[in-house]
C-alpha atoms as a PDB file:
ATOM      1  CA  MET A   1      18.834-100.402  31.755  1.00  0.00           C
ATOM      2  CA  LYS A   2      20.032 -97.722  29.388  1.00  0.00           C
ATOM      3  CA  LYS A   3      17.364 -95.682  27.670  1.00  0.00           C
ATOM      4  CA  ASP A   4      19.333 -94.569  24.559  1.00  0.00           C
ATOM      5  CA  LEU A   5      19.413 -97.993  22.984  1.00  0.00           C
ATOM      6  CA  LYS A   6      18.971 -98.276  19.231  1.00  0.00           C
ATOM      7  CA  PHE A   7      15.699 -99.714  17.794  1.00  0.00           C
ATOM      8  CA  ASP A   8      15.079 -99.502  14.097  1.00  0.00           C
ATOM      9  CA  PHE A   9      12.237-101.190  12.271  1.00  0.00           C
ATOM     10  CA  THR A  10      12.180-100.812   8.419  1.00  0.00           C
ATOM     11  CA  VAL A  11       9.958-102.415   5.786  1.00  0.00           C
ATOM     12  CA  ASP A  12      11.264-102.605   2.217  1.00  0.00           C
ATOM     13  CA  LYS A  13       8.306-103.801   0.175  1.00  0.00           C
ATOM     14  CA  ALA A  14      10.362-103.782  -3.042  1.00  0.00           C
ATOM     15  CA  ILE A  15      12.428-106.697  -1.815  1.00  0.00           C
ATOM     16  CA  LYS A  16       9.715-108.098   0.513  1.00  0.00           C
ATOM     17  CA  THR A  17      12.039-107.673   3.614  1.00  0.00           C
ATOM     18  CA  VAL A  18      11.635-106.343   7.114  1.00  0.00           C
ATOM     19  CA  TYR A  19      14.855-105.148   8.861  1.00  0.00           C
ATOM     20  CA  ILE A  20      15.077-104.797  12.583  1.00  0.00           C
ATOM     21  CA  THR A  21      18.015-103.590  14.666  1.00  0.00           C
ATOM     22  CA  ARG A  22      17.737-103.549  18.454  1.00  0.00           C
ATOM     23  CA  GLU A  23      20.319-102.999  21.188  1.00  0.00           C
ATOM     24  CA  PHE A  24      20.074-104.399  24.662  1.00  0.00           C
ATOM     25  CA  ASP A  25      21.926-103.512  27.842  1.00  0.00           C
ATOM     26  CA  ALA A  26      22.779-107.137  28.448  1.00  0.00           C
ATOM     27  CA  GLU A  27      25.594-109.554  27.741  1.00  0.00           C
ATOM     28  CA  LEU A  28      25.567-111.305  24.387  1.00  0.00           C
ATOM     29  CA  ALA A  29      25.300-114.814  25.978  1.00  0.00           C
ATOM     30  CA  LEU A  30      22.118-113.825  27.839  1.00  0.00           C
ATOM     31  CA  VAL A  31      20.483-112.239  24.742  1.00  0.00           C
ATOM     32  CA  TRP A  32      21.461-115.304  22.675  1.00  0.00           C
ATOM     33  CA  ASP A  33      19.775-117.487  25.250  1.00  0.00           C
ATOM     34  CA  ALA A  34      16.630-115.363  25.178  1.00  0.00           C
ATOM     35  CA  PHE A  35      16.351-116.050  21.469  1.00  0.00           C
ATOM     36  CA  THR A  36      17.271-119.793  21.600  1.00  0.00           C
ATOM     37  CA  LYS A  37      15.836-121.266  24.800  1.00  0.00           C
ATOM     38  CA  PRO A  38      12.135-122.040  24.912  1.00  0.00           C
ATOM     39  CA  GLU A  39      11.762-121.291  28.644  1.00  0.00           C
ATOM     40  CA  ILE A  40      12.974-117.703  28.021  1.00  0.00           C
ATOM     41  CA  LEU A  41      11.281-117.306  24.592  1.00  0.00           C
ATOM     42  CA  ASP A  42       7.920-118.095  26.167  1.00  0.00           C
ATOM     43  CA  GLN A  43       8.418-115.191  28.610  1.00  0.00           C
ATOM     44  CA  TRP A  44       8.631-112.448  25.982  1.00  0.00           C
ATOM     45  CA  VAL A  45       7.889-113.494  22.383  1.00  0.00           C
ATOM     46  CA  ALA A  46       4.112-112.674  22.475  1.00  0.00           C
ATOM     47  CA  PRO A  47       2.775-109.174  22.737  1.00  0.00           C
ATOM     48  CA  LYS A  48       0.719-108.697  25.944  1.00  0.00           C
ATOM     49  CA  PRO A  49      -1.937-109.715  26.817  1.00  0.00           C
ATOM     50  CA  TRP A  50      -1.131-112.698  24.643  1.00  0.00           C
ATOM     51  CA  SER A  51       1.283-115.398  25.906  1.00  0.00           C
ATOM     52  CA  SER A  52       3.599-117.814  24.193  1.00  0.00           C
ATOM     53  CA  ARG A  53       3.552-121.593  24.737  1.00  0.00           C
ATOM     54  CA  THR A  54       6.199-123.842  23.146  1.00  0.00           C
ATOM     55  CA  LYS A  55       4.973-127.296  22.440  1.00  0.00           C
ATOM     56  CA  TYR A  56       8.500-128.482  21.507  1.00  0.00           C
ATOM     57  CA  MET A  57      11.796-126.963  20.429  1.00  0.00           C
ATOM     58  CA  ASN A  58      14.978-128.522  19.092  1.00  0.00           C
ATOM     59  CA  PHE A  59      17.564-125.735  18.495  1.00  0.00           C
ATOM     60  CA  GLU A  60      19.876-127.335  15.972  1.00  0.00           C
ATOM     61  CA  VAL A  61      20.157-127.228  12.145  1.00  0.00           C
ATOM     62  CA  GLY A  62      17.108-129.027  10.795  1.00  0.00           C
ATOM     63  CA  GLY A  63      15.425-128.770  14.253  1.00  0.00           C
ATOM     64  CA  LYS A  64      12.174-126.967  14.884  1.00  0.00           C
ATOM     65  CA  ARG A  65      10.215-124.914  17.301  1.00  0.00           C
ATOM     66  CA  PHE A  66       6.504-125.471  17.331  1.00  0.00           C
ATOM     67  CA  TYR A  67       4.610-122.911  19.420  1.00  0.00           C
ATOM     68  CA  ALA A  68       1.394-120.985  19.861  1.00  0.00           C
ATOM     69  CA  MET A  69       0.636-117.437  20.732  1.00  0.00           C
ATOM     70  CA  VAL A  70      -2.342-117.673  23.061  1.00  0.00           C
ATOM     71  CA  SER A  71      -4.883-114.973  23.705  1.00  0.00           C
ATOM     72  CA  PRO A  72      -6.384-114.291  27.131  1.00  0.00           C
ATOM     73  CA  GLU A  73      -9.544-116.001  25.829  1.00  0.00           C
ATOM     74  CA  GLY A  74      -7.565-119.165  24.833  1.00  0.00           C
ATOM     75  CA  LEU A  75      -7.349-118.534  21.037  1.00  0.00           C
ATOM     76  CA  GLU A  76      -4.210-120.208  19.726  1.00  0.00           C
ATOM     77  CA  ARG A  77      -2.180-118.972  16.721  1.00  0.00           C
ATOM     78  CA  TRP A  78       0.402-121.575  15.929  1.00  0.00           C
ATOM     79  CA  ALA A  79       3.728-121.321  14.089  1.00  0.00           C
ATOM     80  CA  VAL A  80       6.610-123.504  13.054  1.00  0.00           C
ATOM     81  CA  GLN A  81      10.196-122.301  13.002  1.00  0.00           C
ATOM     82  CA  GLU A  82      12.720-124.571  11.247  1.00  0.00           C
ATOM     83  CA  TYR A  83      16.394-123.793  11.977  1.00  0.00           C
ATOM     84  CA  THR A  84      18.420-123.706   8.729  1.00  0.00           C
ATOM     85  CA  SER A  85      21.810-122.428  10.010  1.00  0.00           C
ATOM     86  CA  ILE A  86      23.370-121.827  13.418  1.00  0.00           C
ATOM     87  CA  THR A  87      26.679-120.257  14.311  1.00  0.00           C
ATOM     88  CA  PRO A  88      26.622-120.237  18.157  1.00  0.00           C
ATOM     89  CA  LYS A  89      26.440-116.823  19.776  1.00  0.00           C
ATOM     90  CA  THR A  90      26.653-114.872  16.484  1.00  0.00           C
ATOM     91  CA  ASN A  91      23.922-115.939  13.978  1.00  0.00           C
ATOM     92  CA  PHE A  92      21.046-118.222  13.322  1.00  0.00           C
ATOM     93  CA  LYS A  93      18.648-118.558  10.502  1.00  0.00           C
ATOM     94  CA  MET A  94      15.223-120.021  10.387  1.00  0.00           C
ATOM     95  CA  TYR A  95      12.204-120.549   8.200  1.00  0.00           C
ATOM     96  CA  ASN A  96       9.002-119.377   9.873  1.00  0.00           C
ATOM     97  CA  THR A  97       5.438-120.137   8.904  1.00  0.00           C
ATOM     98  CA  PHE A  98       2.087-120.064  10.497  1.00  0.00           C
ATOM     99  CA  ALA A  99       0.472-123.521  11.096  1.00  0.00           C
ATOM    100  CA  ASP A 100      -2.615-125.138  12.622  1.00  0.00           C
ATOM    101  CA  LYS A 101      -2.586-127.003  15.967  1.00  0.00           C
ATOM    102  CA  ASP A 102      -1.582-130.227  14.072  1.00  0.00           C
ATOM    103  CA  GLU A 103       1.430-128.562  12.575  1.00  0.00           C
ATOM    104  CA  ASN A 104       0.059-128.327   9.048  1.00  0.00           C
ATOM    105  CA  ARG A 105       1.826-125.343   7.542  1.00  0.00           C
ATOM    106  CA  GLU A 106       0.186-122.310   6.048  1.00  0.00           C
ATOM    107  CA  LEU A 107       2.398-121.278   3.153  1.00  0.00           C
ATOM    108  CA  PRO A 108       4.091-119.067   2.185  1.00  0.00           C
ATOM    109  CA  GLY A 109       6.490-118.391   5.036  1.00  0.00           C
ATOM    110  CA  SER A 110       9.446-116.157   5.696  1.00  0.00           C
ATOM    111  CA  ASP A 111      13.206-116.545   6.139  1.00  0.00           C
ATOM    112  CA  TRP A 112      14.598-114.930   9.366  1.00  0.00           C
ATOM    113  CA  ASP A 113      18.284-114.112   9.738  1.00  0.00           C
ATOM    114  CA  HIS A 114      19.388-113.129  13.289  1.00  0.00           C
ATOM    115  CA  THR A 115      22.883-111.691  13.837  1.00  0.00           C
ATOM    116  CA  PHE A 116      24.252-110.954  17.311  1.00  0.00           C
ATOM    117  CA  SER A 117      27.175-108.732  18.337  1.00  0.00           C
ATOM    118  CA  GLU A 118      28.391-107.156  21.505  1.00  0.00           C
ATOM    119  CA  GLU A 119      30.301-103.969  22.156  1.00  0.00           C
ATOM    120  CA  ASN A 120      31.040-102.325  25.523  1.00  0.00           C
ATOM    121  CA  GLY A 121      28.411-104.499  27.262  1.00  0.00           C
ATOM    122  CA  ILE A 122      25.663-103.571  24.764  1.00  0.00           C
ATOM    123  CA  THR A 123      24.313-106.475  22.588  1.00  0.00           C
ATOM    124  CA  LYS A 124      23.051-105.651  19.163  1.00  0.00           C
ATOM    125  CA  VAL A 125      20.549-107.968  17.363  1.00  0.00           C
ATOM    126  CA  ASN A 126      20.006-107.491  13.637  1.00  0.00           C
ATOM    127  CA  ILE A 127      17.084-109.386  12.097  1.00  0.00           C
ATOM    128  CA  ALA A 128      16.248-109.495   8.389  1.00  0.00           C
ATOM    129  CA  ILE A 129      12.945-111.154   7.543  1.00  0.00           C
ATOM    130  CA  PHE A 130      12.554-112.086   3.871  1.00  0.00           C
ATOM    131  CA  ASN A 131       9.067-112.972   2.748  1.00  0.00           C
ATOM    132  CA  GLU A 132       8.304-115.352  -0.102  1.00  0.00           C
ATOM    133  CA  SER A 133       5.553-113.081  -1.403  1.00  0.00           C
ATOM    134  CA  LEU A 134       4.647-109.421  -1.130  1.00  0.00           C
ATOM    135  CA  GLU A 135       1.129-110.650  -0.112  1.00  0.00           C
ATOM    136  CA  ARG A 136       2.571-112.412   2.974  1.00  0.00           C
ATOM    137  CA  LEU A 137       4.588-109.317   3.894  1.00  0.00           C
ATOM    138  CA  GLU A 138       1.553-107.122   3.608  1.00  0.00           C
ATOM    139  CA  LYS A 139      -0.484-109.612   5.670  1.00  0.00           C
ATOM    140  CA  MET A 140       2.194-109.596   8.433  1.00  0.00           C
ATOM    141  CA  ILE A 141       1.993-105.840   8.544  1.00  0.00           C
ATOM    142  CA  GLU A 142      -1.807-105.774   8.399  1.00  0.00           C
ATOM    143  CA  MET A 143      -2.015-108.200  11.304  1.00  0.00           C
ATOM    144  CA  GLY A 144       0.026-105.817  13.429  1.00  0.00           C
ATOM    145  CA  PHE A 145       3.453-107.339  13.180  1.00  0.00           C
ATOM    146  CA  SER A 146       5.254-104.089  13.652  1.00  0.00           C
ATOM    147  CA  GLU A 147       3.302-103.162  16.831  1.00  0.00           C
ATOM    148  CA  GLY A 148       3.315-106.609  18.141  1.00  0.00           C
ATOM    149  CA  PHE A 149       7.008-107.113  17.599  1.00  0.00           C
ATOM    150  CA  LYS A 150       7.799-103.793  19.324  1.00  0.00           C
ATOM    151  CA  MET A 151       5.690-104.955  22.345  1.00  0.00           C
ATOM    152  CA  SER A 152       7.488-108.280  22.390  1.00  0.00           C
ATOM    153  CA  ILE A 153      10.855-106.567  22.294  1.00  0.00           C
ATOM    154  CA  ASP A 154       9.800-104.392  25.273  1.00  0.00           C
ATOM    155  CA  ASN A 155       8.831-107.656  27.072  1.00  0.00           C
ATOM    156  CA  LEU A 156      12.308-109.047  26.245  1.00  0.00           C
ATOM    157  CA  GLU A 157      14.005-105.914  27.701  1.00  0.00           C
ATOM    158  CA  LYS A 158      12.131-106.539  30.973  1.00  0.00           C
ATOM    159  CA  VAL A 159      13.033-110.269  30.972  1.00  0.00           C
ATOM    160  CA  LEU A 160      16.675-109.498  30.325  1.00  0.00           C
ATOM    161  CA  GLU A 161      16.739-107.001  33.236  1.00  0.00           C
ATOM    162  CA  THR A 162      15.320-109.668  35.500  1.00  0.00           C
ATOM    163  CA  LEU A 163      17.688-112.372  34.356  1.00  0.00           C
ATOM    164  CA  SER A 164      20.682-109.984  34.557  1.00  0.00           C
ATOM    165  CA  GLN A 165      19.973-109.518  38.248  1.00  0.00           C
ATOM    166  CA  LYS A 166      20.074-113.255  39.069  1.00  0.00           C
END
């Protein structure tokens, strides 16, 4: 894996949006799969020592992923992701909100826009996360979203390296 890959994480409170850009030394199809297949998502999406457990996922417009981040002690933090737009291998959008174990949503949520591109074997992922309220954005940051997301992306890099060798 190359060590000079781009990683930007910017918070713009004025427009309640987080912008993330990350490059991976992996083919676009593999990175796309890592973001859209539950068996791969569950390997990287939670910051260690937490783990991710998908209860169900239907990756299509109008489909949902319902999953929990699980602490080593068994504490579950559930979320629902509803897919609002999918352009295979280049973009997908989803609405994300916390929920309880019975899928009752905790509003407000956030809109995520993922864009994928590849150049010279390097895949770039751009993510814009628009929050419905400044309070939700601030709660995300307060809960350690920045640190947790960076840890998850490090997990993803390791997963991609392993999958690339298969």
